[in-house]
N, C-alpha and C. Protein backbone atom coordinates (compact mmCIF):
# COMPACT_ATOMS: atom_id res chain seq x y z
N MET A 1 -36.02 -28.09 -51.66
CA MET A 1 -36.56 -26.98 -50.91
C MET A 1 -37.10 -25.90 -51.88
N ALA A 2 -36.47 -25.76 -53.01
CA ALA A 2 -36.93 -24.79 -54.03
C ALA A 2 -38.34 -25.17 -54.53
N ASP A 3 -38.60 -26.49 -54.68
CA ASP A 3 -39.92 -26.95 -55.12
C ASP A 3 -40.98 -26.58 -54.09
N ARG A 4 -40.64 -26.71 -52.86
CA ARG A 4 -41.57 -26.42 -51.76
C ARG A 4 -41.98 -24.94 -51.84
N ARG A 5 -41.03 -24.09 -52.05
CA ARG A 5 -41.33 -22.68 -52.13
C ARG A 5 -42.19 -22.32 -53.34
N ASP A 6 -42.00 -23.03 -54.45
CA ASP A 6 -42.76 -22.79 -55.64
C ASP A 6 -44.23 -23.21 -55.43
N ASP A 7 -44.46 -24.17 -54.59
CA ASP A 7 -45.83 -24.68 -54.38
C ASP A 7 -46.64 -23.85 -53.38
N ARG A 8 -45.96 -22.99 -52.62
CA ARG A 8 -46.65 -22.23 -51.60
C ARG A 8 -47.42 -21.06 -52.24
N SER A 9 -48.49 -20.70 -51.56
CA SER A 9 -49.28 -19.57 -52.07
C SER A 9 -48.62 -18.25 -51.68
N LEU A 10 -49.12 -17.21 -52.31
CA LEU A 10 -48.60 -15.86 -51.99
C LEU A 10 -48.79 -15.51 -50.53
N GLY A 11 -49.94 -15.92 -50.00
CA GLY A 11 -50.24 -15.68 -48.60
C GLY A 11 -49.24 -16.39 -47.67
N GLU A 12 -48.91 -17.64 -48.03
CA GLU A 12 -47.93 -18.35 -47.23
C GLU A 12 -46.54 -17.70 -47.30
N LEU A 13 -46.17 -17.23 -48.49
CA LEU A 13 -44.88 -16.60 -48.64
C LEU A 13 -44.83 -15.29 -47.79
N PHE A 14 -45.90 -14.50 -47.83
CA PHE A 14 -45.96 -13.27 -47.06
C PHE A 14 -45.95 -13.59 -45.55
N ALA A 15 -46.63 -14.66 -45.15
CA ALA A 15 -46.62 -15.02 -43.74
C ALA A 15 -45.20 -15.41 -43.29
N GLU A 16 -44.49 -16.17 -44.12
CA GLU A 16 -43.10 -16.54 -43.79
C GLU A 16 -42.22 -15.29 -43.75
N LEU A 17 -42.43 -14.40 -44.70
CA LEU A 17 -41.65 -13.15 -44.73
C LEU A 17 -41.90 -12.36 -43.47
N ALA A 18 -43.13 -12.26 -43.04
CA ALA A 18 -43.46 -11.53 -41.82
C ALA A 18 -42.80 -12.16 -40.61
N ARG A 19 -42.83 -13.53 -40.52
CA ARG A 19 -42.17 -14.21 -39.39
C ARG A 19 -40.67 -13.94 -39.39
N GLU A 20 -40.06 -14.10 -40.56
CA GLU A 20 -38.61 -13.91 -40.64
C GLU A 20 -38.22 -12.44 -40.33
N THR A 21 -39.01 -11.52 -40.84
CA THR A 21 -38.73 -10.11 -40.58
C THR A 21 -38.87 -9.80 -39.10
N SER A 22 -39.90 -10.36 -38.46
CA SER A 22 -40.13 -10.16 -37.05
C SER A 22 -38.95 -10.69 -36.25
N THR A 23 -38.51 -11.90 -36.58
CA THR A 23 -37.33 -12.50 -35.89
C THR A 23 -36.10 -11.66 -36.11
N LEU A 24 -35.88 -11.21 -37.31
CA LEU A 24 -34.73 -10.41 -37.65
C LEU A 24 -34.72 -9.09 -36.86
N VAL A 25 -35.87 -8.43 -36.81
CA VAL A 25 -35.92 -7.15 -36.06
C VAL A 25 -35.66 -7.39 -34.60
N ARG A 26 -36.23 -8.44 -34.03
CA ARG A 26 -35.95 -8.76 -32.60
C ARG A 26 -34.48 -8.96 -32.34
N GLN A 27 -33.83 -9.72 -33.26
CA GLN A 27 -32.40 -10.00 -33.09
C GLN A 27 -31.57 -8.72 -33.22
N GLU A 28 -31.96 -7.85 -34.17
CA GLU A 28 -31.23 -6.59 -34.34
C GLU A 28 -31.43 -5.69 -33.14
N LEU A 29 -32.61 -5.68 -32.55
CA LEU A 29 -32.83 -4.87 -31.35
C LEU A 29 -31.99 -5.38 -30.18
N ARG A 30 -31.91 -6.72 -30.02
CA ARG A 30 -31.03 -7.28 -29.02
C ARG A 30 -29.59 -6.87 -29.24
N LEU A 31 -29.18 -6.88 -30.47
CA LEU A 31 -27.80 -6.47 -30.80
C LEU A 31 -27.57 -4.99 -30.43
N ALA A 32 -28.56 -4.17 -30.75
CA ALA A 32 -28.42 -2.70 -30.45
C ALA A 32 -28.37 -2.48 -28.95
N VAL A 33 -29.17 -3.18 -28.19
CA VAL A 33 -29.20 -3.03 -26.74
C VAL A 33 -27.85 -3.50 -26.18
N SER A 34 -27.38 -4.62 -26.66
CA SER A 34 -26.09 -5.16 -26.18
C SER A 34 -24.93 -4.22 -26.51
N GLU A 35 -24.92 -3.73 -27.72
CA GLU A 35 -23.81 -2.83 -28.15
C GLU A 35 -23.86 -1.54 -27.35
N THR A 36 -25.05 -0.98 -27.14
CA THR A 36 -25.17 0.24 -26.35
C THR A 36 -24.74 0.02 -24.93
N GLY A 37 -25.11 -1.09 -24.33
CA GLY A 37 -24.71 -1.42 -22.97
C GLY A 37 -23.24 -1.53 -22.79
N GLU A 38 -22.58 -2.16 -23.78
CA GLU A 38 -21.13 -2.29 -23.72
C GLU A 38 -20.44 -0.94 -23.80
N LYS A 39 -20.94 -0.07 -24.67
CA LYS A 39 -20.34 1.26 -24.80
C LYS A 39 -20.56 2.13 -23.58
N VAL A 40 -21.76 2.05 -23.00
CA VAL A 40 -22.04 2.82 -21.78
C VAL A 40 -21.16 2.34 -20.63
N SER A 41 -20.98 1.02 -20.55
CA SER A 41 -20.11 0.48 -19.49
C SER A 41 -18.69 0.96 -19.67
N GLU A 42 -18.21 0.96 -20.91
CA GLU A 42 -16.84 1.41 -21.19
C GLU A 42 -16.67 2.88 -20.79
N VAL A 43 -17.63 3.73 -21.18
CA VAL A 43 -17.55 5.15 -20.83
C VAL A 43 -17.61 5.30 -19.35
N GLY A 44 -18.48 4.56 -18.69
CA GLY A 44 -18.64 4.67 -17.24
C GLY A 44 -17.36 4.42 -16.51
N LYS A 45 -16.61 3.38 -16.96
CA LYS A 45 -15.34 3.10 -16.29
C LYS A 45 -14.32 4.25 -16.46
N LYS A 46 -14.27 4.83 -17.67
CA LYS A 46 -13.37 5.92 -17.91
C LYS A 46 -13.71 7.15 -17.07
N VAL A 47 -15.02 7.41 -16.93
CA VAL A 47 -15.48 8.62 -16.27
C VAL A 47 -15.45 8.51 -14.77
N ALA A 48 -15.72 7.32 -14.28
CA ALA A 48 -15.84 7.15 -12.80
C ALA A 48 -14.60 7.57 -12.03
N THR A 49 -13.41 7.30 -12.52
CA THR A 49 -12.21 7.66 -11.82
C THR A 49 -12.04 9.16 -11.75
N SER A 50 -12.25 9.85 -12.86
CA SER A 50 -12.14 11.32 -12.87
C SER A 50 -13.19 11.96 -12.00
N LEU A 51 -14.43 11.46 -12.07
CA LEU A 51 -15.48 12.05 -11.24
C LEU A 51 -15.18 11.82 -9.74
N SER A 52 -14.72 10.63 -9.37
CA SER A 52 -14.42 10.36 -8.00
C SER A 52 -13.27 11.25 -7.48
N ALA A 53 -12.22 11.36 -8.27
CA ALA A 53 -11.09 12.15 -7.88
C ALA A 53 -11.50 13.64 -7.79
N GLY A 54 -12.26 14.08 -8.75
CA GLY A 54 -12.71 15.49 -8.76
C GLY A 54 -13.63 15.79 -7.55
N ALA A 55 -14.51 14.90 -7.24
CA ALA A 55 -15.37 15.08 -6.07
C ALA A 55 -14.55 15.11 -4.78
N ALA A 56 -13.55 14.22 -4.65
CA ALA A 56 -12.72 14.22 -3.46
C ALA A 56 -11.96 15.52 -3.34
N MET A 57 -11.43 15.96 -4.44
CA MET A 57 -10.67 17.27 -4.40
C MET A 57 -11.56 18.40 -4.01
N LEU A 58 -12.77 18.46 -4.58
CA LEU A 58 -13.69 19.56 -4.18
C LEU A 58 -14.12 19.48 -2.73
N HIS A 59 -14.29 18.27 -2.23
CA HIS A 59 -14.60 18.12 -0.82
C HIS A 59 -13.43 18.61 0.06
N ALA A 60 -12.25 18.19 -0.33
CA ALA A 60 -11.09 18.68 0.44
C ALA A 60 -10.93 20.20 0.35
N ALA A 61 -11.23 20.75 -0.82
CA ALA A 61 -11.20 22.21 -1.00
C ALA A 61 -12.19 22.88 -0.07
N PHE A 62 -13.38 22.36 -0.01
CA PHE A 62 -14.39 22.94 0.85
C PHE A 62 -13.95 22.89 2.31
N LEU A 63 -13.40 21.76 2.72
CA LEU A 63 -12.92 21.64 4.11
C LEU A 63 -11.77 22.65 4.43
N ALA A 64 -10.85 22.79 3.48
CA ALA A 64 -9.75 23.71 3.62
C ALA A 64 -10.21 25.15 3.69
N ILE A 65 -11.19 25.49 2.86
CA ILE A 65 -11.73 26.85 2.88
C ILE A 65 -12.44 27.13 4.17
N VAL A 66 -13.20 26.16 4.67
CA VAL A 66 -13.88 26.31 5.94
C VAL A 66 -12.86 26.47 7.04
N ALA A 67 -11.80 25.63 7.01
CA ALA A 67 -10.74 25.74 8.03
C ALA A 67 -10.07 27.14 7.96
N ALA A 68 -9.88 27.66 6.77
CA ALA A 68 -9.26 28.97 6.62
C ALA A 68 -10.13 30.09 7.24
N ILE A 69 -11.41 29.98 6.97
CA ILE A 69 -12.32 30.98 7.52
C ILE A 69 -12.35 30.91 9.04
N ILE A 70 -12.41 29.72 9.58
CA ILE A 70 -12.47 29.54 11.03
C ILE A 70 -11.16 30.08 11.66
N LEU A 71 -10.03 29.65 11.12
CA LEU A 71 -8.75 30.11 11.66
C LEU A 71 -8.60 31.62 11.52
N GLY A 72 -9.10 32.18 10.42
CA GLY A 72 -8.99 33.62 10.22
C GLY A 72 -9.84 34.39 11.25
N LEU A 73 -11.03 33.87 11.51
CA LEU A 73 -11.88 34.54 12.46
C LEU A 73 -11.37 34.40 13.90
N ILE A 74 -10.85 33.27 14.24
CA ILE A 74 -10.37 33.02 15.59
C ILE A 74 -9.06 33.78 15.85
N ASP A 75 -8.14 33.56 14.99
CA ASP A 75 -6.80 34.07 15.21
C ASP A 75 -6.51 35.44 14.63
N LEU A 76 -7.18 35.74 13.52
CA LEU A 76 -6.89 36.95 12.75
C LEU A 76 -5.45 37.07 12.37
N GLY A 77 -4.73 36.00 12.46
CA GLY A 77 -3.34 35.96 12.00
C GLY A 77 -3.32 35.47 10.57
N LEU A 78 -2.60 36.21 9.74
CA LEU A 78 -2.63 35.91 8.32
C LEU A 78 -1.97 34.55 7.96
N ASP A 79 -1.00 34.13 8.68
CA ASP A 79 -0.26 32.97 8.29
C ASP A 79 -1.08 31.69 8.13
N TRP A 80 -1.85 31.30 9.17
CA TRP A 80 -2.60 30.05 9.09
C TRP A 80 -3.77 30.07 8.14
N TRP A 81 -4.62 31.03 8.26
CA TRP A 81 -5.82 31.01 7.38
C TRP A 81 -5.46 31.32 5.95
N LEU A 82 -4.45 32.15 5.71
CA LEU A 82 -4.07 32.44 4.37
C LEU A 82 -3.49 31.19 3.72
N SER A 83 -2.73 30.44 4.46
CA SER A 83 -2.20 29.19 3.96
C SER A 83 -3.34 28.19 3.64
N ALA A 84 -4.24 28.07 4.54
CA ALA A 84 -5.39 27.16 4.31
C ALA A 84 -6.21 27.61 3.15
N LEU A 85 -6.39 28.90 3.01
CA LEU A 85 -7.20 29.43 1.90
C LEU A 85 -6.51 29.15 0.54
N ILE A 86 -5.21 29.34 0.50
CA ILE A 86 -4.49 29.08 -0.73
C ILE A 86 -4.58 27.62 -1.11
N VAL A 87 -4.39 26.71 -0.15
CA VAL A 87 -4.49 25.31 -0.41
C VAL A 87 -5.91 24.95 -0.84
N GLY A 88 -6.91 25.52 -0.21
CA GLY A 88 -8.30 25.26 -0.61
C GLY A 88 -8.59 25.72 -2.02
N LEU A 89 -8.08 26.86 -2.43
CA LEU A 89 -8.32 27.32 -3.76
C LEU A 89 -7.62 26.47 -4.80
N VAL A 90 -6.42 26.06 -4.51
CA VAL A 90 -5.71 25.17 -5.42
C VAL A 90 -6.44 23.81 -5.59
N LEU A 91 -6.91 23.27 -4.48
CA LEU A 91 -7.66 22.02 -4.57
C LEU A 91 -8.97 22.20 -5.34
N ALA A 92 -9.61 23.33 -5.17
CA ALA A 92 -10.86 23.61 -5.92
C ALA A 92 -10.59 23.65 -7.43
N VAL A 93 -9.49 24.28 -7.79
CA VAL A 93 -9.17 24.36 -9.23
C VAL A 93 -8.86 22.95 -9.78
N VAL A 94 -8.11 22.14 -9.05
CA VAL A 94 -7.81 20.79 -9.46
C VAL A 94 -9.09 19.95 -9.61
N GLY A 95 -9.93 20.04 -8.61
CA GLY A 95 -11.20 19.31 -8.67
C GLY A 95 -12.06 19.74 -9.85
N TYR A 96 -12.11 21.05 -10.07
CA TYR A 96 -12.90 21.57 -11.19
C TYR A 96 -12.37 21.03 -12.53
N VAL A 97 -11.05 21.03 -12.66
CA VAL A 97 -10.46 20.51 -13.92
C VAL A 97 -10.78 19.02 -14.10
N LEU A 98 -10.69 18.23 -13.04
CA LEU A 98 -11.00 16.81 -13.15
C LEU A 98 -12.46 16.55 -13.55
N ILE A 99 -13.38 17.33 -12.95
CA ILE A 99 -14.78 17.15 -13.29
C ILE A 99 -15.07 17.60 -14.72
N LYS A 100 -14.47 18.68 -15.16
CA LYS A 100 -14.62 19.15 -16.55
C LYS A 100 -14.11 18.07 -17.54
N ARG A 101 -12.99 17.43 -17.18
CA ARG A 101 -12.46 16.37 -18.01
C ARG A 101 -13.42 15.21 -18.14
N ALA A 102 -14.05 14.85 -17.00
CA ALA A 102 -15.05 13.77 -17.05
C ALA A 102 -16.24 14.13 -17.89
N ILE A 103 -16.71 15.36 -17.74
CA ILE A 103 -17.85 15.80 -18.56
C ILE A 103 -17.54 15.81 -20.03
N ALA A 104 -16.33 16.21 -20.37
CA ALA A 104 -15.88 16.19 -21.76
C ALA A 104 -15.83 14.77 -22.31
N ALA A 105 -15.40 13.83 -21.49
CA ALA A 105 -15.30 12.42 -21.91
C ALA A 105 -16.69 11.87 -22.17
N VAL A 106 -17.68 12.24 -21.38
CA VAL A 106 -19.04 11.80 -21.63
C VAL A 106 -19.61 12.37 -22.91
N LYS A 107 -19.29 13.66 -23.15
CA LYS A 107 -19.81 14.32 -24.35
C LYS A 107 -19.17 13.75 -25.62
N GLU A 108 -17.88 13.33 -25.51
CA GLU A 108 -17.18 12.81 -26.68
C GLU A 108 -17.51 11.31 -26.94
N ALA A 109 -18.06 10.63 -25.96
CA ALA A 109 -18.34 9.22 -26.08
C ALA A 109 -19.38 8.95 -27.17
N ASP A 110 -19.12 7.98 -27.97
CA ASP A 110 -20.05 7.61 -29.05
C ASP A 110 -20.73 6.31 -28.63
N ILE A 111 -21.94 6.42 -28.15
CA ILE A 111 -22.66 5.23 -27.67
C ILE A 111 -23.75 4.76 -28.62
N MET A 112 -23.76 5.31 -29.81
CA MET A 112 -24.70 4.85 -30.81
C MET A 112 -24.38 3.43 -31.26
N PRO A 113 -25.39 2.57 -31.41
CA PRO A 113 -25.12 1.20 -31.90
C PRO A 113 -24.95 1.13 -33.41
N HIS A 114 -23.78 1.59 -33.89
CA HIS A 114 -23.53 1.69 -35.33
C HIS A 114 -23.63 0.34 -36.04
N ALA A 115 -23.14 -0.71 -35.44
CA ALA A 115 -23.21 -2.03 -36.06
C ALA A 115 -24.67 -2.46 -36.27
N ALA A 116 -25.50 -2.27 -35.23
CA ALA A 116 -26.90 -2.63 -35.34
C ALA A 116 -27.65 -1.79 -36.37
N ILE A 117 -27.32 -0.51 -36.42
CA ILE A 117 -27.95 0.37 -37.38
C ILE A 117 -27.60 -0.09 -38.81
N GLY A 118 -26.34 -0.42 -38.99
CA GLY A 118 -25.90 -0.89 -40.31
C GLY A 118 -26.58 -2.16 -40.75
N THR A 119 -26.70 -3.10 -39.83
CA THR A 119 -27.37 -4.34 -40.18
C THR A 119 -28.87 -4.15 -40.38
N LEU A 120 -29.44 -3.23 -39.65
CA LEU A 120 -30.88 -2.93 -39.90
C LEU A 120 -31.09 -2.39 -41.29
N LYS A 121 -30.18 -1.57 -41.77
CA LYS A 121 -30.29 -1.04 -43.13
C LYS A 121 -30.11 -2.16 -44.14
N GLU A 122 -29.19 -3.06 -43.86
CA GLU A 122 -29.05 -4.24 -44.73
C GLU A 122 -30.30 -5.09 -44.74
N ASP A 123 -30.90 -5.25 -43.56
CA ASP A 123 -32.10 -6.05 -43.45
C ASP A 123 -33.24 -5.42 -44.20
N GLN A 124 -33.31 -4.11 -44.17
CA GLN A 124 -34.35 -3.38 -44.91
C GLN A 124 -34.22 -3.62 -46.42
N GLU A 125 -32.98 -3.61 -46.90
CA GLU A 125 -32.76 -3.91 -48.31
C GLU A 125 -33.13 -5.37 -48.62
N TRP A 126 -32.82 -6.25 -47.72
CA TRP A 126 -33.15 -7.69 -47.95
C TRP A 126 -34.67 -7.88 -48.02
N VAL A 127 -35.41 -7.22 -47.14
CA VAL A 127 -36.86 -7.33 -47.15
C VAL A 127 -37.39 -6.77 -48.46
N LYS A 128 -36.86 -5.63 -48.90
CA LYS A 128 -37.32 -5.06 -50.16
C LYS A 128 -37.06 -6.05 -51.32
N GLU A 129 -35.93 -6.70 -51.34
CA GLU A 129 -35.60 -7.67 -52.36
C GLU A 129 -36.57 -8.86 -52.30
N GLN A 130 -36.90 -9.31 -51.10
CA GLN A 130 -37.83 -10.46 -50.94
C GLN A 130 -39.24 -10.11 -51.41
N ILE A 131 -39.64 -8.85 -51.24
CA ILE A 131 -41.00 -8.48 -51.65
C ILE A 131 -41.06 -8.34 -53.15
N SER A 132 -40.00 -7.82 -53.78
CA SER A 132 -40.05 -7.60 -55.21
C SER A 132 -39.80 -8.83 -56.07
């Protein structure tokens, strides 16, 4: 096979280099897409639970606050609406904390395709070596 390469013209060598480089770049891009997809999926699973729980808590808080206002206007008795208002505020705080935790998890997530970036740098060095 070494003899075959020696017999090829410079144009043939560059054509082969271009084909191999093109194939390599396509494979690296596939790897980057795959790696990014896996990381996004992983983050999504972690965040989905907190977001769902936070949204449910905020919805319950809204309903409790609405109930407190209605009971307060109808009855004007402090016991019922004040109780409902306190529960609503507590649920709102819990929901807020859960949603903030989910947002922090998304911000902390590292979804960069580091493996693909590393191999692309290696490939760049390989191409430079092949040209020189």
